[in-house]
Amino acid sequence: MKKLGVVLGSLVLVSLGLAQGTIKIGNAYNQTGSMSSLDVPASNGAKLAVKEINAAGGVLGMKLELVSYDGKTDPATITNMATQMINSDKVVAIAGFTDSDSALALGPIAQKAGIPFVTAGATSPQLPEQIGSEMFLACFGDNVQAAVGAEFVYKNLKGKTAYLVWDKSTEYTTLLGKYFKDAYAKLGGKLLGEETYKSGDKNFSAQITKIKALPQKPDVLYIAAMPDDIGTVVKQFRQAGLTQPIVGGDGYDTPLLVEVGGKAADNVYFTTHALMDAQKGTPEVKKFIAAYKKEYGKDPENAFAALGYDTIYLLADAIKRAGAPDPAKITAALMQTKGLKTVTGSITFAGTGSRVPQKAVTVVAVKDLKLNLAATLAPSYIPKP
């Protein structure tokens, strides 16, 4: 009986992705498609973290192995990818994605299989409740960043009036616009109107015309946009003579903002997870930038590179505390995470009743094609998820 138990135990270890002393983690990112400008850096950050952890001896005496596929920013591809990772590759956890729609495509499959899923940058605070007990965020929620955006508009930019424009085709931008509206009203700001568009639109003349026709011009424009769209949006708005500050969320944290927008990106502000600046960043950011540059020959493209990196360290910490690369034990250990220091801030789930960490939010200002630190804030009021 003892010998049989040893054999069965070995079979269990192999089934959990431990063949040849490895712990398999799903690396779920959109390497192509509209989310690639955020997901590729995040995936690179994840690969860097795994390399560092393995060089330091791995976790529980075993090497981490990333199982990577391209979600192609396509829900059908993402669901197939999730099934492959779980059923064929036998991953014990999944890390990935920087948008909520992709997380919503993969999440239910991981939940049904009992596999913990930590998203690097999908910021909807509703995800844990929508998906279930296996869903965790390594990033702050949209209600927090939208509240910081509202406070920055009202207090720092002295924007007593604003106009809201939001992309109605994605979960992220819809929620970001909703939370901004709530927080801005709570501060006493007056919204002069709002307008929508759909991701992929190339002509924003209808929205511009409505804003220019207002009898009272708004002090600030808050635009909830996806990374593929924001450069085009700011360029057309500036060409039409709308010179007010434009404020938005972490979807702006893409090289495309400056590459496409050019000088039109001046006087644009956005909330994000950290400023990737080797001179002005935190000590953790500076260390990460140096390691990323050594590995890839360039600076991190945005904060999502750091989030991908942090997510792997979060999972590695949980696996170590779990004492075994068992999905159920990893989930339990994640829930007990307390004060884990990462590049983008401290992560705590233990005692909070939430699987969304509370982190400070960085506000970035664009001037002369460069990103600058405008503020680091924690909001005084946070809209309910």
Protein backbone atom coordinates (compact mmCIF):
# COMPACT_ATOMS: atom_id res chain seq x y z
CA MET A 1 0.00 0.00 0.00
CA LYS A 2 2.84 2.37 0.82
CA LYS A 3 4.48 1.76 -2.55
CA LEU A 4 1.16 2.31 -4.34
CA GLY A 5 0.73 5.62 -2.50
CA VAL A 6 4.13 6.81 -3.67
CA VAL A 7 3.26 5.91 -7.27
CA LEU A 8 -0.11 7.69 -7.08
CA GLY A 9 1.57 10.72 -5.54
CA SER A 10 4.02 10.85 -8.42
CA LEU A 11 1.19 10.67 -10.91
CA VAL A 12 -0.55 13.60 -9.18
CA LEU A 13 2.61 15.68 -9.39
CA VAL A 14 2.97 14.97 -13.10
CA SER A 15 -0.69 15.86 -13.70
CA LEU A 16 -0.13 19.21 -12.03
CA GLY A 17 2.54 20.21 -14.52
CA LEU A 18 5.54 19.09 -12.50
CA ALA A 19 7.15 16.74 -15.00
CA GLN A 20 10.94 17.03 -14.85
CA GLY A 21 10.77 19.36 -11.86
CA THR A 22 8.83 22.21 -13.43
CA ILE A 23 5.80 24.20 -12.31
CA LYS A 24 3.72 25.25 -15.31
CA ILE A 25 2.03 28.65 -15.31
CA GLY A 26 -0.15 29.85 -18.15
CA ASN A 27 1.08 33.05 -19.81
CA ALA A 28 -2.12 34.38 -21.38
CA TYR A 29 -1.58 37.53 -23.40
CA ASN A 30 -2.65 39.03 -26.72
CA GLN A 31 0.58 39.10 -28.71
CA THR A 32 -1.37 40.47 -31.71
CA GLY A 33 -4.52 42.50 -32.18
CA SER A 34 -5.69 45.75 -30.60
CA MET A 35 -4.38 44.93 -27.10
CA SER A 36 -0.87 43.94 -28.18
CA SER A 37 0.74 47.30 -27.32
CA LEU A 38 -0.07 46.58 -23.65
CA ASP A 39 0.03 42.79 -23.61
CA VAL A 40 3.41 42.26 -25.29
CA PRO A 41 5.26 44.34 -22.67
CA ALA A 42 3.32 42.55 -19.91
CA SER A 43 4.28 39.17 -21.34
CA ASN A 44 7.91 40.27 -21.58
CA GLY A 45 7.79 41.33 -17.94
CA ALA A 46 6.42 37.90 -17.00
CA LYS A 47 9.23 36.13 -18.89
CA LEU A 48 11.83 38.30 -17.16
CA ALA A 49 10.39 37.45 -13.74
CA VAL A 50 10.48 33.72 -14.48
CA LYS A 51 14.10 33.98 -15.63
CA GLU A 52 15.07 35.77 -12.41
CA ILE A 53 13.18 33.37 -10.15
CA ASN A 54 14.66 30.31 -11.84
CA ALA A 55 18.17 31.78 -11.66
CA ALA A 56 17.64 32.18 -7.91
CA GLY A 57 16.70 28.52 -7.50
CA GLY A 58 13.08 28.46 -8.59
CA VAL A 59 10.15 27.80 -6.25
CA LEU A 60 10.02 24.83 -3.86
CA GLY A 61 13.15 23.52 -5.56
CA MET A 62 11.48 23.45 -8.98
CA LYS A 63 11.75 25.66 -12.05
CA LEU A 64 8.86 27.80 -13.26
CA GLU A 65 7.80 27.20 -16.85
CA LEU A 66 5.61 29.64 -18.76
CA VAL A 67 3.12 28.14 -21.18
CA SER A 68 2.45 30.88 -23.72
CA TYR A 69 -0.16 31.33 -26.44
CA ASP A 70 -1.41 34.31 -28.44
CA GLY A 71 -4.98 35.28 -27.59
CA LYS A 72 -5.04 37.54 -30.68
CA THR A 73 -7.46 39.91 -28.88
CA ASP A 74 -10.19 37.48 -29.93
CA PRO A 75 -12.63 35.87 -27.44
CA ALA A 76 -12.90 32.58 -29.35
CA THR A 77 -9.12 32.21 -29.56
CA ILE A 78 -8.80 33.06 -25.88
CA THR A 79 -11.30 30.39 -24.80
CA ASN A 80 -9.48 27.79 -26.91
CA MET A 81 -6.18 28.91 -25.40
CA ALA A 82 -7.56 28.53 -21.87
CA THR A 83 -8.82 25.02 -22.57
CA GLN A 84 -5.44 24.04 -24.03
CA MET A 85 -3.52 25.41 -21.06
CA ILE A 86 -5.71 23.69 -18.50
CA ASN A 87 -6.56 20.36 -20.12
CA SER A 88 -3.44 19.62 -22.18
CA ASP A 89 -0.61 21.63 -20.61
CA LYS A 90 -1.84 21.08 -17.04
CA VAL A 91 -0.94 24.53 -15.72
CA VAL A 92 -1.40 25.09 -11.99
CA ALA A 93 -2.17 28.81 -12.38
CA ILE A 94 -2.70 31.37 -15.12
CA ALA A 95 -1.35 34.92 -15.35
CA GLY A 96 -2.29 37.38 -18.02
CA PHE A 97 -4.17 40.04 -19.95
CA THR A 98 -4.40 43.79 -19.61
CA ASP A 99 -8.07 44.22 -20.54
CA SER A 100 -11.27 43.09 -18.89
CA ASP A 101 -12.96 41.64 -21.99
CA SER A 102 -10.11 39.15 -22.45
CA ALA A 103 -10.19 38.28 -18.74
CA LEU A 104 -13.93 37.66 -19.00
CA ALA A 105 -13.34 35.27 -21.90
CA LEU A 106 -10.77 33.18 -20.03
CA GLY A 107 -11.92 33.56 -16.44
CA PRO A 108 -14.99 31.27 -16.41
CA ILE A 109 -12.94 28.38 -17.87
CA ALA A 110 -10.28 28.75 -15.18
CA GLN A 111 -13.00 29.05 -12.53
CA LYS A 112 -14.73 25.84 -13.62
CA ALA A 113 -11.41 23.98 -13.57
CA GLY A 114 -10.40 25.38 -10.17
CA ILE A 115 -7.28 27.06 -11.56
CA PRO A 116 -6.26 30.41 -9.98
CA PHE A 117 -6.17 33.22 -12.53
CA VAL A 118 -4.36 36.48 -11.79
CA THR A 119 -4.78 39.26 -14.31
CA ALA A 120 -1.87 41.65 -14.69
CA GLY A 121 -3.80 44.67 -15.89
CA ALA A 122 -7.51 43.99 -16.45
CA THR A 123 -8.78 46.69 -14.11
CA SER A 124 -12.51 46.02 -13.77
CA PRO A 125 -13.16 45.68 -10.01
CA GLN A 126 -16.21 43.58 -10.89
CA LEU A 127 -14.12 40.69 -12.29
CA PRO A 128 -13.81 38.68 -9.05
CA GLU A 129 -17.58 38.69 -8.54
CA GLN A 130 -18.33 38.09 -12.22
CA ILE A 131 -15.94 35.14 -12.49
CA GLY A 132 -15.61 33.68 -9.01
CA SER A 133 -13.20 32.66 -6.27
CA GLU A 134 -10.26 31.88 -8.59
CA MET A 135 -10.07 35.43 -10.02
CA PHE A 136 -7.50 37.89 -8.64
CA LEU A 137 -6.20 41.27 -9.83
CA ALA A 138 -2.55 42.32 -9.51
CA CYS A 139 -3.61 45.89 -10.37
CA PHE A 140 -5.93 48.49 -8.87
CA GLY A 141 -9.56 48.71 -9.99
CA ASP A 142 -11.08 51.14 -12.48
CA ASN A 143 -13.21 52.68 -9.74
CA VAL A 144 -9.99 53.72 -7.99
CA GLN A 145 -8.20 55.11 -11.05
CA ALA A 146 -11.34 56.91 -12.26
CA ALA A 147 -11.76 58.49 -8.82
CA VAL A 148 -8.13 59.67 -8.90
CA GLY A 149 -8.73 61.02 -12.41
CA ALA A 150 -11.76 62.94 -11.16
CA GLU A 151 -9.86 64.40 -8.19
CA PHE A 152 -6.94 65.37 -10.41
CA VAL A 153 -9.31 67.11 -12.82
CA TYR A 154 -11.20 68.95 -10.09
CA LYS A 155 -8.37 69.83 -7.70
CA ASN A 156 -5.13 69.86 -9.68
CA LEU A 157 -6.42 71.10 -13.04
CA LYS A 158 -9.13 73.27 -11.44
CA GLY A 159 -11.62 71.71 -13.83
CA LYS A 160 -15.03 72.64 -12.45
CA THR A 161 -16.72 71.57 -15.69
CA ALA A 162 -15.98 68.57 -17.88
CA TYR A 163 -17.25 66.70 -20.91
CA LEU A 164 -17.20 62.89 -20.94
CA VAL A 165 -16.45 60.79 -24.03
CA TRP A 166 -16.30 57.01 -23.74
CA ASP A 167 -15.89 53.95 -25.91
CA LYS A 168 -19.12 51.95 -25.59
CA SER A 169 -17.69 48.72 -27.04
CA THR A 170 -15.56 47.50 -24.11
CA GLU A 171 -16.08 46.68 -20.43
CA TYR A 172 -13.04 48.74 -19.41
CA THR A 173 -14.02 52.04 -21.02
CA THR A 174 -17.69 51.71 -20.12
CA LEU A 175 -16.87 51.23 -16.44
CA LEU A 176 -14.15 53.89 -16.44
CA GLY A 177 -16.62 56.46 -17.78
CA LYS A 178 -19.27 55.41 -15.27
CA TYR A 179 -16.92 55.64 -12.29
CA PHE A 180 -15.51 59.00 -13.41
CA LYS A 181 -19.01 60.41 -13.70
CA ASP A 182 -19.84 59.23 -10.17
CA ALA A 183 -16.64 60.51 -8.55
CA TYR A 184 -16.63 63.83 -10.39
CA ALA A 185 -20.20 64.60 -9.29
CA LYS A 186 -19.30 63.69 -5.71
CA LEU A 187 -16.55 66.32 -5.80
CA GLY A 188 -18.95 68.97 -7.05
CA GLY A 189 -17.84 68.95 -10.68
CA LYS A 190 -20.39 69.70 -13.38
CA LEU A 191 -20.60 67.44 -16.42
CA LEU A 192 -21.69 69.50 -19.44
CA GLY A 193 -22.52 66.42 -21.49
CA GLU A 194 -21.31 63.06 -22.69
CA GLU A 195 -20.90 61.22 -25.98
CA THR A 196 -19.89 57.72 -27.03
CA TYR A 197 -18.04 56.10 -29.90
CA LYS A 198 -16.99 52.56 -30.80
CA SER A 199 -13.45 51.19 -30.67
CA GLY A 200 -11.95 51.16 -34.14
CA ASP A 201 -13.74 54.31 -35.27
CA LYS A 202 -11.44 56.54 -37.31
CA ASN A 203 -13.55 59.68 -37.53
CA PHE A 204 -14.50 61.60 -34.39
CA SER A 205 -16.05 64.63 -36.09
CA ALA A 206 -19.52 63.92 -34.62
CA GLN A 207 -18.21 64.02 -31.06
CA ILE A 208 -16.07 67.08 -31.79
CA THR A 209 -19.00 68.96 -33.33
CA LYS A 210 -21.17 68.40 -30.25
CA ILE A 211 -18.47 69.65 -27.91
CA LYS A 212 -17.76 72.74 -30.01
CA ALA A 213 -21.47 73.55 -30.15
CA LEU A 214 -21.80 73.73 -26.36
CA PRO A 215 -22.80 77.20 -25.11
CA GLN A 216 -20.33 76.74 -22.24
CA LYS A 217 -16.94 75.25 -23.03
CA PRO A 218 -15.79 72.50 -20.62
CA ASP A 219 -12.62 73.07 -18.63
CA VAL A 220 -11.47 69.48 -19.21
CA LEU A 221 -12.26 66.56 -21.51
CA TYR A 222 -12.33 63.11 -19.90
CA ILE A 223 -12.02 60.44 -22.59
CA ALA A 224 -12.19 56.72 -21.72
CA ALA A 225 -10.34 55.10 -24.62
CA MET A 226 -8.54 51.91 -25.62
CA PRO A 227 -4.83 51.96 -26.54
CA ASP A 228 -5.36 51.55 -30.29
CA ASP A 229 -7.68 54.58 -30.43
CA ILE A 230 -6.30 57.26 -28.12
CA GLY A 231 -3.58 58.61 -30.44
CA THR A 232 -6.12 59.18 -33.22
CA VAL A 233 -8.63 60.70 -30.79
CA VAL A 234 -6.27 63.32 -29.36
CA LYS A 235 -4.90 64.19 -32.80
CA GLN A 236 -8.35 64.89 -34.26
CA PHE A 237 -9.54 66.77 -31.17
CA ARG A 238 -6.49 69.05 -31.23
CA GLN A 239 -6.75 69.63 -34.98
CA ALA A 240 -10.34 70.76 -34.40
CA GLY A 241 -9.18 73.39 -31.90
CA LEU A 242 -10.09 71.62 -28.66
CA THR A 243 -7.10 72.62 -26.56
CA GLN A 244 -8.41 71.76 -23.09
CA PRO A 245 -6.57 69.19 -20.98
CA ILE A 246 -7.55 65.65 -21.99
CA VAL A 247 -7.62 63.14 -19.16
CA GLY A 248 -8.09 59.37 -19.22
CA GLY A 249 -7.11 56.01 -17.77
CA ASP A 250 -4.32 53.48 -18.16
CA GLY A 251 -5.42 52.62 -21.71
CA TYR A 252 -3.36 55.71 -22.61
CA ASP A 253 -0.21 54.06 -21.25
CA THR A 254 0.95 52.89 -24.65
CA PRO A 255 3.68 54.15 -26.99
CA LEU A 256 0.87 54.66 -29.52
CA LEU A 257 -0.33 57.77 -27.67
CA VAL A 258 2.78 59.73 -28.65
CA GLU A 259 3.62 57.79 -31.82
CA VAL A 260 0.21 58.48 -33.37
CA GLY A 261 -0.79 61.64 -31.52
CA GLY A 262 2.53 63.45 -31.85
CA LYS A 263 2.50 66.99 -30.47
CA ALA A 264 -1.27 66.69 -30.05
CA ALA A 265 -0.56 64.50 -27.03
CA ASP A 266 0.71 67.54 -25.09
CA ASN A 267 -1.57 68.55 -22.23
CA VAL A 268 -2.83 64.97 -21.95
CA TYR A 269 -2.94 63.31 -18.53
CA PHE A 270 -3.64 59.72 -17.61
CA THR A 271 -3.82 57.48 -14.57
CA THR A 272 -1.61 54.40 -14.54
CA HIS A 273 0.27 51.96 -12.30
CA ALA A 274 3.76 53.49 -12.23
CA LEU A 275 5.90 55.93 -14.19
CA MET A 276 8.53 53.98 -16.10
CA ASP A 277 11.32 56.52 -15.69
CA ALA A 278 14.90 55.57 -14.83
CA GLN A 279 15.54 58.97 -13.22
CA LYS A 280 12.21 59.87 -11.59
CA GLY A 281 10.81 56.44 -10.81
CA THR A 282 10.81 54.68 -7.44
CA PRO A 283 13.81 52.52 -6.49
CA GLU A 284 11.77 49.45 -7.46
CA VAL A 285 10.95 50.98 -10.85
CA LYS A 286 14.59 51.91 -11.48
CA LYS A 287 15.74 48.38 -10.68
CA PHE A 288 13.08 46.90 -12.95
CA ILE A 289 13.92 49.24 -15.82
CA ALA A 290 17.61 48.26 -15.61
CA ALA A 291 16.76 44.54 -15.63
CA TYR A 292 14.26 44.90 -18.49
CA LYS A 293 16.71 46.92 -20.57
CA LYS A 294 19.45 44.36 -19.99
CA GLU A 295 17.12 41.56 -21.09
CA TYR A 296 15.42 43.22 -24.08
CA GLY A 297 17.78 46.01 -25.10
CA LYS A 298 15.21 48.75 -24.49
CA ASP A 299 13.33 50.46 -21.68
CA PRO A 300 9.93 49.08 -20.64
CA GLU A 301 7.29 50.39 -23.04
CA ASN A 302 4.81 51.12 -20.25
CA ALA A 303 3.70 50.17 -16.73
CA PHE A 304 2.11 46.97 -18.03
CA ALA A 305 5.58 45.48 -18.41
CA ALA A 306 5.99 45.90 -14.66
CA LEU A 307 2.52 44.50 -13.97
CA GLY A 308 3.32 41.34 -15.94
CA TYR A 309 6.52 41.02 -13.90
CA ASP A 310 4.71 41.63 -10.60
CA THR A 311 2.03 39.06 -11.38
CA ILE A 312 4.59 36.26 -11.68
CA TYR A 313 6.23 37.27 -8.41
CA LEU A 314 2.79 37.31 -6.76
CA LEU A 315 2.10 33.76 -7.96
CA ALA A 316 5.60 32.56 -7.03
CA ASP A 317 5.13 33.94 -3.52
CA ALA A 318 1.76 32.18 -3.21
CA ILE A 319 3.12 28.85 -4.48
CA LYS A 320 5.99 29.04 -1.99
CA ARG A 321 3.65 29.76 0.92
CA ALA A 322 1.24 27.06 -0.28
CA GLY A 323 4.03 24.54 0.14
CA ALA A 324 3.00 22.71 -3.00
CA PRO A 325 2.08 23.66 -6.58
CA ASP A 326 -1.51 22.60 -6.02
CA PRO A 327 -4.16 24.96 -7.52
CA ALA A 328 -6.47 24.92 -4.50
CA LYS A 329 -3.58 25.60 -2.13
CA ILE A 330 -2.29 28.39 -4.38
CA THR A 331 -5.71 30.07 -4.35
CA ALA A 332 -5.82 29.85 -0.56
CA ALA A 333 -2.31 31.28 -0.30
CA LEU A 334 -3.16 34.15 -2.67
CA MET A 335 -6.03 35.11 -0.34
CA GLN A 336 -3.52 35.35 2.51
CA THR A 337 -1.14 37.67 0.62
CA LYS A 338 -0.20 40.59 2.82
CA GLY A 339 2.17 43.46 2.13
CA LEU A 340 3.90 41.90 -0.87
CA LYS A 341 6.17 44.60 -2.27
CA THR A 342 6.17 44.80 -6.07
CA VAL A 343 7.32 47.28 -8.70
CA THR A 344 3.82 48.80 -8.97
CA GLY A 345 3.08 48.90 -5.25
CA SER A 346 2.23 46.72 -2.29
CA ILE A 347 -0.32 43.90 -2.70
CA THR A 348 -2.59 42.76 0.13
CA PHE A 349 -5.64 40.50 -0.07
CA ALA A 350 -5.61 39.10 3.49
CA GLY A 351 -8.22 40.68 5.73
CA THR A 352 -9.61 42.96 3.01
CA GLY A 353 -12.47 40.78 1.83
CA SER A 354 -11.39 41.67 -1.70
CA ARG A 355 -9.33 40.13 -4.48
CA VAL A 356 -8.51 43.59 -5.86
CA PRO A 357 -5.47 45.23 -4.21
CA GLN A 358 -5.66 48.80 -3.00
CA LYS A 359 -2.74 50.68 -4.54
CA ALA A 360 -1.86 54.32 -5.03
CA VAL A 361 -2.42 55.63 -8.56
CA THR A 362 0.18 57.43 -10.65
CA VAL A 363 -0.92 60.38 -12.80
CA VAL A 364 1.25 60.98 -15.86
CA ALA A 365 1.44 64.22 -17.86
CA VAL A 366 2.56 64.37 -21.49
CA LYS A 367 4.71 67.31 -22.56
CA ASP A 368 7.03 67.61 -25.56
CA LEU A 369 6.49 63.93 -26.45
CA LYS A 370 7.70 62.83 -23.01
CA LEU A 371 5.91 61.30 -20.02
CA ASN A 372 6.29 63.12 -16.72
CA LEU A 373 5.06 62.44 -13.19
CA ALA A 374 2.14 64.74 -12.41
CA ALA A 375 0.99 63.20 -9.11
CA THR A 376 0.69 60.03 -7.04
CA LEU A 377 -2.71 59.89 -5.37
CA ALA A 378 -5.07 57.76 -3.34
CA PRO A 379 -8.68 58.93 -3.78
CA SER A 380 -10.74 60.28 -0.89
CA TYR A 381 -13.88 58.70 -2.38
CA ILE A 382 -14.11 55.43 -4.32
CA PRO A 383 -17.27 54.54 -6.26
CA LYS A 384 -18.73 51.11 -5.51
CA PRO A 385 -17.78 48.44 -8.05
